[in-house]
């Protein structure tokens, strides 16, 4: 029988203390020595740790020769890692630089272009598979970016001015958030469940057609007013304002809307001159998609009537739009606006 030499009390205490500090293979080796000290056989220890008897004997011999230090990992043979910590720092720093600033004629990094750049500039020759593993280890992911709208430097003051105007509005005034969108016969593509490896194909029309929708949401009551038009011009916008005025007779109207050109056309300004109880209040530039709750209504509409779905014709699409809004309750509108 092969057992470790008799351990002193100090050695046992140190080994037990190290079992709470060491991790992985080193911790297993220390437990092997402690079990051998309790007269577990080499075979029993090998079965407990699911390793060979030769492995157990090797670490007993190392411990007897070098003590606790003999249980530590030793340098391994084989090819050294190409992407060590220093190489990973280089990869991270180069990814943070736009390629065009380094003299390249492309706008973003791929595995191929980054491999070539690292090899040419730093002599760091990595395969695409190795580079990909290191990018994942550095918490980089291959994803599609998204567009970022320009920022209005006066957004803060404009929002404060809008809030101040709303707070000073007469008690009988009606606050309406208005906006417009287009619905296309060409289906909107949205993520959906599908069998693995079988990408769903959504049919497209022979020729695309569209309709424009003007909508207004009363933030206090959730009342929704809309109209469907063939085009989206100042003329159609004025035609949409008329039923809003009729819906709230003899009451001041405050309309919050974006900075689209049709909202600031001369014809609209002339119409407002004749309807002094209607006031247009514009949101900061490029902020309509974030600040206007009507945008959420459009998202829900397109999700229900146009996503991954081809209608027979434009009239069928418009009929589905009317069906959607027929069941669009004030409570649902206020939940979207929240």
C-alpha atoms as a PDB file:
ATOM      1  CA  UNK A   1       0.000   0.000   0.000  1.00  0.00           C
ATOM      2  CA  UNK A   2       1.170   3.510  -0.846  1.00  0.00           C
ATOM      3  CA  UNK A   3       0.348   6.253   1.647  1.00  0.00           C
ATOM      4  CA  UNK A   4       1.717   9.702   2.175  1.00  0.00           C
ATOM      5  CA  UNK A   5       4.287  10.064   4.895  1.00  0.00           C
ATOM      6  CA  UNK A   6       3.034  10.829   8.399  1.00  0.00           C
ATOM      7  CA  UNK A   7       1.994  14.467   8.572  1.00  0.00           C
ATOM      8  CA  UNK A   8       2.610  16.773  11.475  1.00  0.00           C
ATOM      9  CA  UNK A   9      -0.207  18.691  13.137  1.00  0.00           C
ATOM     10  CA  UNK A  10       1.056  21.941  11.593  1.00  0.00           C
ATOM     11  CA  UNK A  11       1.090  20.373   8.089  1.00  0.00           C
ATOM     12  CA  UNK A  12      -2.471  19.095   8.461  1.00  0.00           C
ATOM     13  CA  UNK A  13      -3.703  22.512   9.597  1.00  0.00           C
ATOM     14  CA  UNK A  14      -1.970  24.229   6.710  1.00  0.00           C
ATOM     15  CA  UNK A  15      -3.376  21.737   4.196  1.00  0.00           C
ATOM     16  CA  UNK A  16      -6.898  22.197   5.556  1.00  0.00           C
ATOM     17  CA  UNK A  17      -6.477  25.974   5.412  1.00  0.00           C
ATOM     18  CA  UNK A  18      -5.311  25.756   1.806  1.00  0.00           C
ATOM     19  CA  UNK A  19      -8.355  23.682   0.800  1.00  0.00           C
ATOM     20  CA  UNK A  20     -10.471  26.753   1.571  1.00  0.00           C
ATOM     21  CA  UNK A  21      -8.216  28.991  -0.523  1.00  0.00           C
ATOM     22  CA  UNK A  22      -7.106  26.856  -3.431  1.00  0.00           C
ATOM     23  CA  UNK A  23      -9.406  26.153  -6.361  1.00  0.00           C
ATOM     24  CA  UNK A  24      -9.703  23.644  -9.162  1.00  0.00           C
ATOM     25  CA  UNK A  25      -7.015  20.997  -9.569  1.00  0.00           C
ATOM     26  CA  UNK A  26      -4.808  22.313  -6.732  1.00  0.00           C
ATOM     27  CA  UNK A  27      -7.660  21.921  -4.248  1.00  0.00           C
ATOM     28  CA  UNK A  28      -8.262  18.353  -5.456  1.00  0.00           C
ATOM     29  CA  UNK A  29      -4.594  17.469  -4.970  1.00  0.00           C
ATOM     30  CA  UNK A  30      -4.606  18.772  -1.396  1.00  0.00           C
ATOM     31  CA  UNK A  31      -7.681  16.655  -0.652  1.00  0.00           C
ATOM     32  CA  UNK A  32      -5.860  13.629  -2.079  1.00  0.00           C
ATOM     33  CA  UNK A  33      -3.015  14.141   0.440  1.00  0.00           C
ATOM     34  CA  UNK A  34      -5.428  14.567   3.347  1.00  0.00           C
ATOM     35  CA  UNK A  35      -7.304  11.400   2.390  1.00  0.00           C
ATOM     36  CA  UNK A  36      -4.052   9.472   2.039  1.00  0.00           C
ATOM     37  CA  UNK A  37      -3.084  10.701   5.513  1.00  0.00           C
ATOM     38  CA  UNK A  38      -6.332   9.099   6.738  1.00  0.00           C
ATOM     39  CA  UNK A  39      -5.208   5.832   5.116  1.00  0.00           C
ATOM     40  CA  UNK A  40      -7.446   5.912   2.085  1.00  0.00           C
ATOM     41  CA  UNK A  41      -5.827   3.702  -0.520  1.00  0.00           C
ATOM     42  CA  UNK A  42      -4.614   4.995  -3.857  1.00  0.00           C
ATOM     43  CA  UNK A  43      -7.400   3.048  -5.558  1.00  0.00           C
ATOM     44  CA  UNK A  44     -10.082   4.573  -3.299  1.00  0.00           C
ATOM     45  CA  UNK A  45      -8.777   8.102  -3.862  1.00  0.00           C
ATOM     46  CA  UNK A  46      -8.628   7.551  -7.642  1.00  0.00           C
ATOM     47  CA  UNK A  47     -12.251   6.388  -7.666  1.00  0.00           C
ATOM     48  CA  UNK A  48     -13.372   9.397  -5.596  1.00  0.00           C
ATOM     49  CA  UNK A  49     -11.745  11.897  -7.969  1.00  0.00           C
ATOM     50  CA  UNK A  50     -12.359   9.842 -11.116  1.00  0.00           C
ATOM     51  CA  UNK A  51      -8.711   9.839 -12.128  1.00  0.00           C
ATOM     52  CA  UNK A  52      -6.014   7.204 -12.610  1.00  0.00           C
ATOM     53  CA  UNK A  53      -4.040   5.632  -9.758  1.00  0.00           C
ATOM     54  CA  UNK A  54      -0.863   6.912 -11.403  1.00  0.00           C
ATOM     55  CA  UNK A  55      -2.125  10.479 -10.984  1.00  0.00           C
ATOM     56  CA  UNK A  56      -2.690   9.954  -7.244  1.00  0.00           C
ATOM     57  CA  UNK A  57       0.779   8.406  -6.808  1.00  0.00           C
ATOM     58  CA  UNK A  58       2.351  11.296  -8.741  1.00  0.00           C
ATOM     59  CA  UNK A  59       0.977  13.937  -6.375  1.00  0.00           C
ATOM     60  CA  UNK A  60       1.818  11.950  -3.266  1.00  0.00           C
ATOM     61  CA  UNK A  61       5.405  11.768  -4.542  1.00  0.00           C
ATOM     62  CA  UNK A  62       5.443  15.493  -5.399  1.00  0.00           C
ATOM     63  CA  UNK A  63       4.151  16.406  -1.954  1.00  0.00           C
ATOM     64  CA  UNK A  64       6.750  14.284  -0.212  1.00  0.00           C
ATOM     65  CA  UNK A  65       9.495  15.821  -2.346  1.00  0.00           C
ATOM     66  CA  UNK A  66       8.464  19.525  -2.359  1.00  0.00           C
ATOM     67  CA  UNK A  67       5.670  19.851   0.176  1.00  0.00           C
ATOM     68  CA  UNK A  68       2.692  22.062  -0.634  1.00  0.00           C
ATOM     69  CA  UNK A  69       4.579  23.702  -3.487  1.00  0.00           C
ATOM     70  CA  UNK A  70       4.719  20.345  -5.271  1.00  0.00           C
ATOM     71  CA  UNK A  71       0.917  20.373  -5.616  1.00  0.00           C
ATOM     72  CA  UNK A  72       0.858  23.626  -7.573  1.00  0.00           C
ATOM     73  CA  UNK A  73       0.452  23.710 -11.363  1.00  0.00           C
ATOM     74  CA  UNK A  74       3.684  23.409 -13.264  1.00  0.00           C
ATOM     75  CA  UNK A  75       4.533  24.953 -16.651  1.00  0.00           C
ATOM     76  CA  UNK A  76       2.978  22.891 -19.409  1.00  0.00           C
ATOM     77  CA  UNK A  77       4.510  21.752 -22.638  1.00  0.00           C
ATOM     78  CA  UNK A  78       3.021  22.605 -26.009  1.00  0.00           C
ATOM     79  CA  UNK A  79       2.577  25.767 -28.027  1.00  0.00           C
ATOM     80  CA  UNK A  80       2.135  28.906 -25.900  1.00  0.00           C
ATOM     81  CA  UNK A  81      -1.044  30.890 -26.231  1.00  0.00           C
ATOM     82  CA  UNK A  82      -0.969  33.375 -29.069  1.00  0.00           C
ATOM     83  CA  UNK A  83      -3.502  35.745 -27.503  1.00  0.00           C
ATOM     84  CA  UNK A  84      -2.261  36.376 -23.978  1.00  0.00           C
ATOM     85  CA  UNK A  85      -3.358  39.260 -21.753  1.00  0.00           C
ATOM     86  CA  UNK A  86      -1.143  41.725 -23.611  1.00  0.00           C
ATOM     87  CA  UNK A  87      -2.531  40.596 -26.970  1.00  0.00           C
ATOM     88  CA  UNK A  88      -6.084  40.953 -25.685  1.00  0.00           C
ATOM     89  CA  UNK A  89      -5.310  44.527 -24.626  1.00  0.00           C
ATOM     90  CA  UNK A  90      -4.131  45.250 -28.167  1.00  0.00           C
ATOM     91  CA  UNK A  91      -7.288  43.726 -29.626  1.00  0.00           C
ATOM     92  CA  UNK A  92      -9.509  45.784 -27.303  1.00  0.00           C
ATOM     93  CA  UNK A  93      -7.685  49.025 -28.094  1.00  0.00           C
ATOM     94  CA  UNK A  94      -7.732  48.496 -31.861  1.00  0.00           C
ATOM     95  CA  UNK A  95     -11.445  47.654 -31.886  1.00  0.00           C
ATOM     96  CA  UNK A  96     -12.130  50.965 -30.172  1.00  0.00           C
ATOM     97  CA  UNK A  97     -10.594  52.843 -33.118  1.00  0.00           C
ATOM     98  CA  UNK A  98     -12.647  53.451 -36.292  1.00  0.00           C
ATOM     99  CA  UNK A  99     -10.838  51.717 -39.188  1.00  0.00           C
ATOM    100  CA  UNK A 100     -10.803  54.859 -41.328  1.00  0.00           C
ATOM    101  CA  UNK A 101      -8.690  56.664 -38.700  1.00  0.00           C
ATOM    102  CA  UNK A 102      -6.021  53.993 -39.205  1.00  0.00           C
ATOM    103  CA  UNK A 103      -5.904  54.442 -42.971  1.00  0.00           C
ATOM    104  CA  UNK A 104      -8.309  51.671 -43.949  1.00  0.00           C
ATOM    105  CA  UNK A 105     -11.004  52.105 -46.595  1.00  0.00           C
ATOM    106  CA  UNK A 106     -13.848  50.423 -44.720  1.00  0.00           C
ATOM    107  CA  UNK A 107     -16.122  51.561 -41.943  1.00  0.00           C
ATOM    108  CA  UNK A 108     -16.179  48.677 -39.437  1.00  0.00           C
ATOM    109  CA  UNK A 109     -14.101  45.704 -38.331  1.00  0.00           C
ATOM    110  CA  UNK A 110     -14.741  42.114 -39.359  1.00  0.00           C
ATOM    111  CA  UNK A 111     -12.775  39.031 -38.336  1.00  0.00           C
ATOM    112  CA  UNK A 112     -10.928  39.053 -41.667  1.00  0.00           C
ATOM    113  CA  UNK A 113     -10.008  42.744 -41.620  1.00  0.00           C
ATOM    114  CA  UNK A 114      -9.052  42.716 -37.938  1.00  0.00           C
ATOM    115  CA  UNK A 115      -6.880  39.613 -38.385  1.00  0.00           C
ATOM    116  CA  UNK A 116      -5.055  41.279 -41.270  1.00  0.00           C
ATOM    117  CA  UNK A 117      -4.623  44.531 -39.330  1.00  0.00           C
ATOM    118  CA  UNK A 118      -3.205  42.801 -36.229  1.00  0.00           C
ATOM    119  CA  UNK A 119      -0.778  40.755 -38.319  1.00  0.00           C
ATOM    120  CA  UNK A 120       0.434  43.723 -40.378  1.00  0.00           C
ATOM    121  CA  UNK A 121       0.762  46.323 -37.620  1.00  0.00           C
ATOM    122  CA  UNK A 122       1.611  44.230 -34.543  1.00  0.00           C
ATOM    123  CA  UNK A 123       2.865  40.951 -35.985  1.00  0.00           C
ATOM    124  CA  UNK A 124       0.079  39.220 -34.053  1.00  0.00           C
ATOM    125  CA  UNK A 125      -0.996  36.351 -36.297  1.00  0.00           C
ATOM    126  CA  UNK A 126      -4.292  34.860 -35.162  1.00  0.00           C
ATOM    127  CA  UNK A 127      -6.747  32.614 -36.929  1.00  0.00           C
ATOM    128  CA  UNK A 128     -10.313  33.845 -37.286  1.00  0.00           C
ATOM    129  CA  UNK A 129     -11.484  31.174 -34.810  1.00  0.00           C
ATOM    130  CA  UNK A 130      -8.913  32.273 -32.216  1.00  0.00           C
ATOM    131  CA  UNK A 131      -9.760  35.939 -32.719  1.00  0.00           C
ATOM    132  CA  UNK A 132     -13.465  35.211 -32.387  1.00  0.00           C
ATOM    133  CA  UNK A 133     -12.927  33.332 -29.090  1.00  0.00           C
ATOM    134  CA  UNK A 134     -10.946  36.248 -27.728  1.00  0.00           C
ATOM    135  CA  UNK A 135     -13.542  38.787 -28.832  1.00  0.00           C
ATOM    136  CA  UNK A 136     -16.229  36.818 -27.006  1.00  0.00           C
ATOM    137  CA  UNK A 137     -13.993  36.589 -23.926  1.00  0.00           C
ATOM    138  CA  UNK A 138     -13.591  40.386 -24.062  1.00  0.00           C
ATOM    139  CA  UNK A 139     -17.420  40.751 -24.079  1.00  0.00           C
ATOM    140  CA  UNK A 140     -17.682  41.836 -27.706  1.00  0.00           C
ATOM    141  CA  UNK A 141     -20.654  40.572 -29.706  1.00  0.00           C
ATOM    142  CA  UNK A 142     -21.504  40.651 -33.430  1.00  0.00           C
ATOM    143  CA  UNK A 143     -24.721  42.695 -33.538  1.00  0.00           C
ATOM    144  CA  UNK A 144     -26.454  45.051 -35.902  1.00  0.00           C
ATOM    145  CA  UNK A 145     -26.094  48.726 -34.839  1.00  0.00           C
ATOM    146  CA  UNK A 146     -28.974  51.175 -34.763  1.00  0.00           C
ATOM    147  CA  UNK A 147     -29.390  54.651 -36.148  1.00  0.00           C
ATOM    148  CA  UNK A 148     -28.917  57.584 -33.799  1.00  0.00           C
ATOM    149  CA  UNK A 149     -30.841  60.767 -34.528  1.00  0.00           C
ATOM    150  CA  UNK A 150     -29.056  64.122 -34.181  1.00  0.00           C
ATOM    151  CA  UNK A 151     -29.400  65.785 -30.789  1.00  0.00           C
ATOM    152  CA  UNK A 152     -31.120  69.131 -30.416  1.00  0.00           C
ATOM    153  CA  UNK A 153     -28.867  71.272 -28.173  1.00  0.00           C
ATOM    154  CA  UNK A 154     -31.944  73.286 -27.137  1.00  0.00           C
ATOM    155  CA  UNK A 155     -33.993  70.205 -26.207  1.00  0.00           C
ATOM    156  CA  UNK A 156     -33.979  70.936 -22.469  1.00  0.00           C
ATOM    157  CA  UNK A 157     -35.159  74.566 -22.649  1.00  0.00           C
ATOM    158  CA  UNK A 158     -37.755  73.666 -25.297  1.00  0.00           C
ATOM    159  CA  UNK A 159     -39.237  70.926 -23.110  1.00  0.00           C
ATOM    160  CA  UNK A 160     -39.337  73.232 -20.094  1.00  0.00           C
ATOM    161  CA  UNK A 161     -41.075  75.906 -22.183  1.00  0.00           C
ATOM    162  CA  UNK A 162     -43.597  73.310 -23.395  1.00  0.00           C
ATOM    163  CA  UNK A 163     -44.295  72.131 -19.844  1.00  0.00           C
ATOM    164  CA  UNK A 164     -44.685  75.721 -18.663  1.00  0.00           C
ATOM    165  CA  UNK A 165     -47.203  76.427 -21.418  1.00  0.00           C
ATOM    166  CA  UNK A 166     -49.200  73.316 -20.563  1.00  0.00           C
ATOM    167  CA  UNK A 167     -49.282  74.251 -16.883  1.00  0.00           C
ATOM    168  CA  UNK A 168     -50.516  77.760 -17.735  1.00  0.00           C
ATOM    169  CA  UNK A 169     -53.198  76.490 -20.117  1.00  0.00           C
ATOM    170  CA  UNK A 170     -56.850  77.278 -19.267  1.00  0.00           C
ATOM    171  CA  UNK A 171     -58.618  74.605 -17.256  1.00  0.00           C
ATOM    172  CA  UNK A 172     -61.025  73.877 -20.106  1.00  0.00           C
ATOM    173  CA  UNK A 173     -58.195  73.430 -22.637  1.00  0.00           C
ATOM    174  CA  UNK A 174     -57.758  70.020 -24.308  1.00  0.00           C
ATOM    175  CA  UNK A 175     -54.259  68.590 -24.653  1.00  0.00           C
ATOM    176  CA  UNK A 176     -53.857  66.489 -27.804  1.00  0.00           C
ATOM    177  CA  UNK A 177     -50.720  64.695 -28.945  1.00  0.00           C
ATOM    178  CA  UNK A 178     -50.813  64.391 -32.725  1.00  0.00           C
ATOM    179  CA  UNK A 179     -48.697  62.621 -35.300  1.00  0.00           C
ATOM    180  CA  UNK A 180     -48.898  60.837 -38.631  1.00  0.00           C
ATOM    181  CA  UNK A 181     -47.504  57.661 -40.117  1.00  0.00           C
ATOM    182  CA  UNK A 182     -47.635  55.556 -43.284  1.00  0.00           C
ATOM    183  CA  UNK A 183     -48.822  51.969 -43.601  1.00  0.00           C
ATOM    184  CA  UNK A 184     -47.458  50.036 -46.561  1.00  0.00           C
ATOM    185  CA  UNK A 185     -48.759  47.066 -48.449  1.00  0.00           C
ATOM    186  CA  UNK A 186     -45.193  45.744 -48.184  1.00  0.00           C
ATOM    187  CA  UNK A 187     -45.211  43.829 -44.872  1.00  0.00           C
ATOM    188  CA  UNK A 188     -43.213  45.035 -41.888  1.00  0.00           C
ATOM    189  CA  UNK A 189     -40.756  42.350 -40.745  1.00  0.00           C
ATOM    190  CA  UNK A 190     -40.748  41.561 -37.012  1.00  0.00           C
ATOM    191  CA  UNK A 191     -39.160  38.774 -34.992  1.00  0.00           C
ATOM    192  CA  UNK A 192     -41.350  35.691 -34.603  1.00  0.00           C
ATOM    193  CA  UNK A 193     -41.147  32.027 -33.548  1.00  0.00           C
ATOM    194  CA  UNK A 194     -40.154  29.647 -36.317  1.00  0.00           C
ATOM    195  CA  UNK A 195     -38.660  26.135 -36.544  1.00  0.00           C
ATOM    196  CA  UNK A 196     -34.888  26.036 -36.184  1.00  0.00           C
ATOM    197  CA  UNK A 197     -33.180  26.194 -39.553  1.00  0.00           C
ATOM    198  CA  UNK A 198     -36.432  27.050 -41.372  1.00  0.00           C
ATOM    199  CA  UNK A 199     -36.613  30.801 -41.864  1.00  0.00           C
ATOM    200  CA  UNK A 200     -40.167  31.946 -42.523  1.00  0.00           C
ATOM    201  CA  UNK A 201     -40.614  33.710 -45.846  1.00  0.00           C
ATOM    202  CA  UNK A 202     -43.140  36.565 -45.888  1.00  0.00           C
ATOM    203  CA  UNK A 203     -44.571  37.212 -49.387  1.00  0.00           C
ATOM    204  CA  UNK A 204     -44.306  40.685 -50.874  1.00  0.00           C
ATOM    205  CA  UNK A 205     -46.697  42.526 -53.196  1.00  0.00           C
ATOM    206  CA  UNK A 206     -45.957  42.989 -56.871  1.00  0.00           C
ATOM    207  CA  UNK A 207     -46.023  46.763 -56.364  1.00  0.00           C
ATOM    208  CA  UNK A 208     -46.015  48.543 -53.031  1.00  0.00           C
ATOM    209  CA  UNK A 209     -48.786  50.993 -52.108  1.00  0.00           C
ATOM    210  CA  UNK A 210     -49.301  53.024 -48.976  1.00  0.00           C
ATOM    211  CA  UNK A 211     -51.791  55.111 -47.030  1.00  0.00           C
ATOM    212  CA  UNK A 212     -51.165  57.898 -44.537  1.00  0.00           C
ATOM    213  CA  UNK A 213     -52.798  58.044 -41.116  1.00  0.00           C
ATOM    214  CA  UNK A 214     -53.227  61.164 -39.000  1.00  0.00           C
ATOM    215  CA  UNK A 215     -53.942  60.544 -35.322  1.00  0.00           C
ATOM    216  CA  UNK A 216     -54.561  62.535 -32.136  1.00  0.00           C
ATOM    217  CA  UNK A 217     -54.580  61.239 -28.561  1.00  0.00           C
ATOM    218  CA  UNK A 218     -56.221  63.136 -25.697  1.00  0.00           C
ATOM    219  CA  UNK A 219     -53.875  62.546 -22.769  1.00  0.00           C
ATOM    220  CA  UNK A 220     -56.536  63.259 -20.146  1.00  0.00           C
ATOM    221  CA  UNK A 221     -59.262  60.913 -21.372  1.00  0.00           C
ATOM    222  CA  UNK A 222     -57.508  58.532 -23.787  1.00  0.00           C
ATOM    223  CA  UNK A 223     -59.847  59.483 -26.622  1.00  0.00           C
ATOM    224  CA  UNK A 224     -58.382  58.599 -29.998  1.00  0.00           C
ATOM    225  CA  UNK A 225     -59.215  60.425 -33.232  1.00  0.00           C
ATOM    226  CA  UNK A 226     -57.748  59.524 -36.590  1.00  0.00           C
ATOM    227  CA  UNK A 227     -58.228  59.716 -40.337  1.00  0.00           C
ATOM    228  CA  UNK A 228     -56.767  57.786 -43.282  1.00  0.00           C
ATOM    229  CA  UNK A 229     -55.586  59.699 -46.336  1.00  0.00           C
ATOM    230  CA  UNK A 230     -53.917  58.874 -49.613  1.00  0.00           C
ATOM    231  CA  UNK A 231     -51.182  61.433 -49.065  1.00  0.00           C
ATOM    232  CA  UNK A 232     -49.456  63.205 -46.185  1.00  0.00           C
ATOM    233  CA  UNK A 233     -49.302  66.930 -46.987  1.00  0.00           C
ATOM    234  CA  UNK A 234     -50.217  70.193 -45.310  1.00  0.00           C
ATOM    235  CA  UNK A 235     -53.568  70.013 -47.096  1.00  0.00           C
ATOM    236  CA  UNK A 236     -54.372  66.655 -45.463  1.00  0.00           C
ATOM    237  CA  UNK A 237     -53.091  67.924 -42.114  1.00  0.00           C
ATOM    238  CA  UNK A 238     -55.508  70.867 -42.219  1.00  0.00           C
ATOM    239  CA  UNK A 239     -58.309  68.509 -43.207  1.00  0.00           C
ATOM    240  CA  UNK A 240     -57.478  66.456 -40.107  1.00  0.00           C
ATOM    241  CA  UNK A 241     -57.572  69.539 -37.855  1.00  0.00           C
ATOM    242  CA  UNK A 242     -61.159  70.291 -38.828  1.00  0.00           C
ATOM    243  CA  UNK A 243     -62.704  67.193 -37.119  1.00  0.00           C
ATOM    244  CA  UNK A 244     -60.537  67.849 -34.047  1.00  0.00           C
ATOM    245  CA  UNK A 245     -62.087  71.294 -33.723  1.00  0.00           C
ATOM    246  CA  UNK A 246     -65.539  69.778 -34.256  1.00  0.00           C
ATOM    247  CA  UNK A 247     -64.892  67.123 -31.603  1.00  0.00           C
ATOM    248  CA  UNK A 248     -64.161  69.794 -28.974  1.00  0.00           C
ATOM    249  CA  UNK A 249     -66.381  72.786 -29.846  1.00  0.00           C
ATOM    250  CA  UNK A 250     -65.742  76.050 -28.018  1.00  0.00           C
ATOM    251  CA  UNK A 251     -62.716  74.642 -26.182  1.00  0.00           C
ATOM    252  CA  UNK A 252     -59.070  75.706 -26.571  1.00  0.00           C
ATOM    253  CA  UNK A 253     -56.933  73.025 -28.193  1.00  0.00           C
ATOM    254  CA  UNK A 254     -53.242  72.542 -27.432  1.00  0.00           C
ATOM    255  CA  UNK A 255     -51.676  70.241 -30.012  1.00  0.00           C
ATOM    256  CA  UNK A 256     -48.269  68.764 -29.201  1.00  0.00           C
ATOM    257  CA  UNK A 257     -46.497  67.535 -32.329  1.00  0.00           C
ATOM    258  CA  UNK A 258     -43.123  67.169 -34.030  1.00  0.00           C
ATOM    259  CA  UNK A 259     -41.348  69.536 -36.395  1.00  0.00           C
ATOM    260  CA  UNK A 260     -42.421  68.004 -39.706  1.00  0.00           C
ATOM    261  CA  UNK A 261     -42.531  70.516 -42.534  1.00  0.00           C
ATOM    262  CA  UNK A 262     -46.269  69.991 -43.123  1.00  0.00           C
ATOM    263  CA  UNK A 263     -46.928  71.298 -39.583  1.00  0.00           C
ATOM    264  CA  UNK A 264     -45.174  74.587 -40.364  1.00  0.00           C
ATOM    265  CA  UNK A 265     -46.444  75.207 -43.878  1.00  0.00           C
ATOM    266  CA  UNK A 266     -47.872  78.602 -44.827  1.00  0.00           C
ATOM    267  CA  UNK A 267     -51.306  77.101 -45.400  1.00  0.00           C
ATOM    268  CA  UNK A 268     -51.293  75.748 -41.827  1.00  0.00           C
ATOM    269  CA  UNK A 269     -50.246  79.139 -40.447  1.00  0.00           C
ATOM    270  CA  UNK A 270     -53.104  80.795 -42.347  1.00  0.00           C
ATOM    271  CA  UNK A 271     -55.561  78.220 -41.004  1.00  0.00           C
ATOM    272  CA  UNK A 272     -54.361  78.888 -37.432  1.00  0.00           C
ATOM    273  CA  UNK A 273     -54.909  82.612 -37.932  1.00  0.00           C
ATOM    274  CA  UNK A 274     -58.588  81.863 -38.523  1.00  0.00           C
ATOM    275  CA  UNK A 275     -58.751  79.420 -35.587  1.00  0.00           C
ATOM    276  CA  UNK A 276     -57.145  81.286 -32.718  1.00  0.00           C
ATOM    277  CA  UNK A 277     -58.306  78.746 -30.124  1.00  0.00           C
ATOM    278  CA  UNK A 278     -56.016  76.096 -31.705  1.00  0.00           C
ATOM    279  CA  UNK A 279     -52.357  76.280 -30.717  1.00  0.00           C
ATOM    280  CA  UNK A 280     -49.545  74.108 -32.041  1.00  0.00           C
ATOM    281  CA  UNK A 281     -46.687  73.330 -29.661  1.00  0.00           C
ATOM    282  CA  UNK A 282     -43.657  71.665 -31.210  1.00  0.00           C
ATOM    283  CA  UNK A 283     -41.435  69.143 -29.482  1.00  0.00           C
ATOM    284  CA  UNK A 284     -37.632  69.524 -29.627  1.00  0.00           C
ATOM    285  CA  UNK A 285     -36.131  68.604 -32.976  1.00  0.00           C
ATOM    286  CA  UNK A 286     -35.596  64.855 -33.555  1.00  0.00           C
ATOM    287  CA  UNK A 287     -37.319  63.957 -30.254  1.00  0.00           C
ATOM    288  CA  UNK A 288     -40.769  62.980 -31.559  1.00  0.00           C
ATOM    289  CA  UNK A 289     -40.006  59.249 -31.532  1.00  0.00           C
ATOM    290  CA  UNK A 290     -39.121  59.454 -27.845  1.00  0.00           C
ATOM    291  CA  UNK A 291     -41.436  62.112 -26.445  1.00  0.00           C
ATOM    292  CA  UNK A 292     -44.646  61.715 -28.454  1.00  0.00           C
ATOM    293  CA  UNK A 293     -46.863  58.887 -27.083  1.00  0.00           C
ATOM    294  CA  UNK A 294     -48.642  58.590 -30.455  1.00  0.00           C
ATOM    295  CA  UNK A 295     -45.491  56.852 -31.731  1.00  0.00           C
ATOM    296  CA  UNK A 296     -46.380  53.934 -29.440  1.00  0.00           C
ATOM    297  CA  UNK A 297     -49.815  53.770 -31.034  1.00  0.00           C
ATOM    298  CA  UNK A 298     -48.204  53.471 -34.478  1.00  0.00           C
ATOM    299  CA  UNK A 299     -45.904  50.724 -33.240  1.00  0.00           C
ATOM    300  CA  UNK A 300     -48.829  48.734 -31.842  1.00  0.00           C
ATOM    301  CA  UNK A 301     -50.857  49.315 -35.026  1.00  0.00           C
ATOM    302  CA  UNK A 302     -48.131  48.090 -37.370  1.00  0.00           C
ATOM    303  CA  UNK A 303     -47.373  45.172 -35.095  1.00  0.00           C
ATOM    304  CA  UNK A 304     -50.993  44.000 -35.265  1.00  0.00           C
ATOM    305  CA  UNK A 305     -52.020  44.777 -38.852  1.00  0.00           C
ATOM    306  CA  UNK A 306     -48.864  44.891 -40.989  1.00  0.00           C
ATOM    307  CA  UNK A 307     -46.115  42.797 -39.382  1.00  0.00           C
ATOM    308  CA  UNK A 308     -45.185  39.594 -41.279  1.00  0.00           C
ATOM    309  CA  UNK A 309     -48.522  39.762 -43.073  1.00  0.00           C
ATOM    310  CA  UNK A 310     -49.382  40.488 -46.703  1.00  0.00           C
ATOM    311  CA  UNK A 311     -52.838  41.894 -47.393  1.00  0.00           C
ATOM    312  CA  UNK A 312     -54.642  41.184 -50.643  1.00  0.00           C
ATOM    313  CA  UNK A 313     -54.758  44.848 -51.596  1.00  0.00           C
ATOM    314  CA  UNK A 314     -54.481  48.322 -50.079  1.00  0.00           C
ATOM    315  CA  UNK A 315     -58.210  48.434 -49.350  1.00  0.00           C
ATOM    316  CA  UNK A 316     -57.863  45.259 -47.294  1.00  0.00           C
ATOM    317  CA  UNK A 317     -55.030  46.832 -45.327  1.00  0.00           C
ATOM    318  CA  UNK A 318     -57.062  49.983 -44.635  1.00  0.00           C
ATOM    319  CA  UNK A 319     -60.039  47.873 -43.534  1.00  0.00           C
ATOM    320  CA  UNK A 320     -57.774  46.091 -41.041  1.00  0.00           C
ATOM    321  CA  UNK A 321     -56.602  49.469 -39.748  1.00  0.00           C
ATOM    322  CA  UNK A 322     -60.204  50.496 -39.116  1.00  0.00           C
ATOM    323  CA  UNK A 323     -60.877  47.170 -37.369  1.00  0.00           C
ATOM    324  CA  UNK A 324     -57.883  47.734 -35.098  1.00  0.00           C
ATOM    325  CA  UNK A 325     -58.978  51.216 -34.056  1.00  0.00           C
ATOM    326  CA  UNK A 326     -62.582  50.066 -33.586  1.00  0.00           C
ATOM    327  CA  UNK A 327     -61.356  48.002 -30.623  1.00  0.00           C
ATOM    328  CA  UNK A 328     -58.763  50.551 -29.484  1.00  0.00           C
ATOM    329  CA  UNK A 329     -60.228  51.606 -26.118  1.00  0.00           C
ATOM    330  CA  UNK A 330     -59.302  54.732 -24.132  1.00  0.00           C
ATOM    331  CA  UNK A 331     -57.795  52.518 -21.408  1.00  0.00           C
ATOM    332  CA  UNK A 332     -55.552  50.823 -23.972  1.00  0.00           C
ATOM    333  CA  UNK A 333     -54.524  54.213 -25.337  1.00  0.00           C
ATOM    334  CA  UNK A 334     -53.625  55.553 -21.881  1.00  0.00           C
ATOM    335  CA  UNK A 335     -51.626  52.407 -21.086  1.00  0.00           C
ATOM    336  CA  UNK A 336     -49.571  52.942 -24.222  1.00  0.00           C
ATOM    337  CA  UNK A 337     -49.074  56.622 -23.403  1.00  0.00           C
ATOM    338  CA  UNK A 338     -47.920  55.920 -19.846  1.00  0.00           C
END
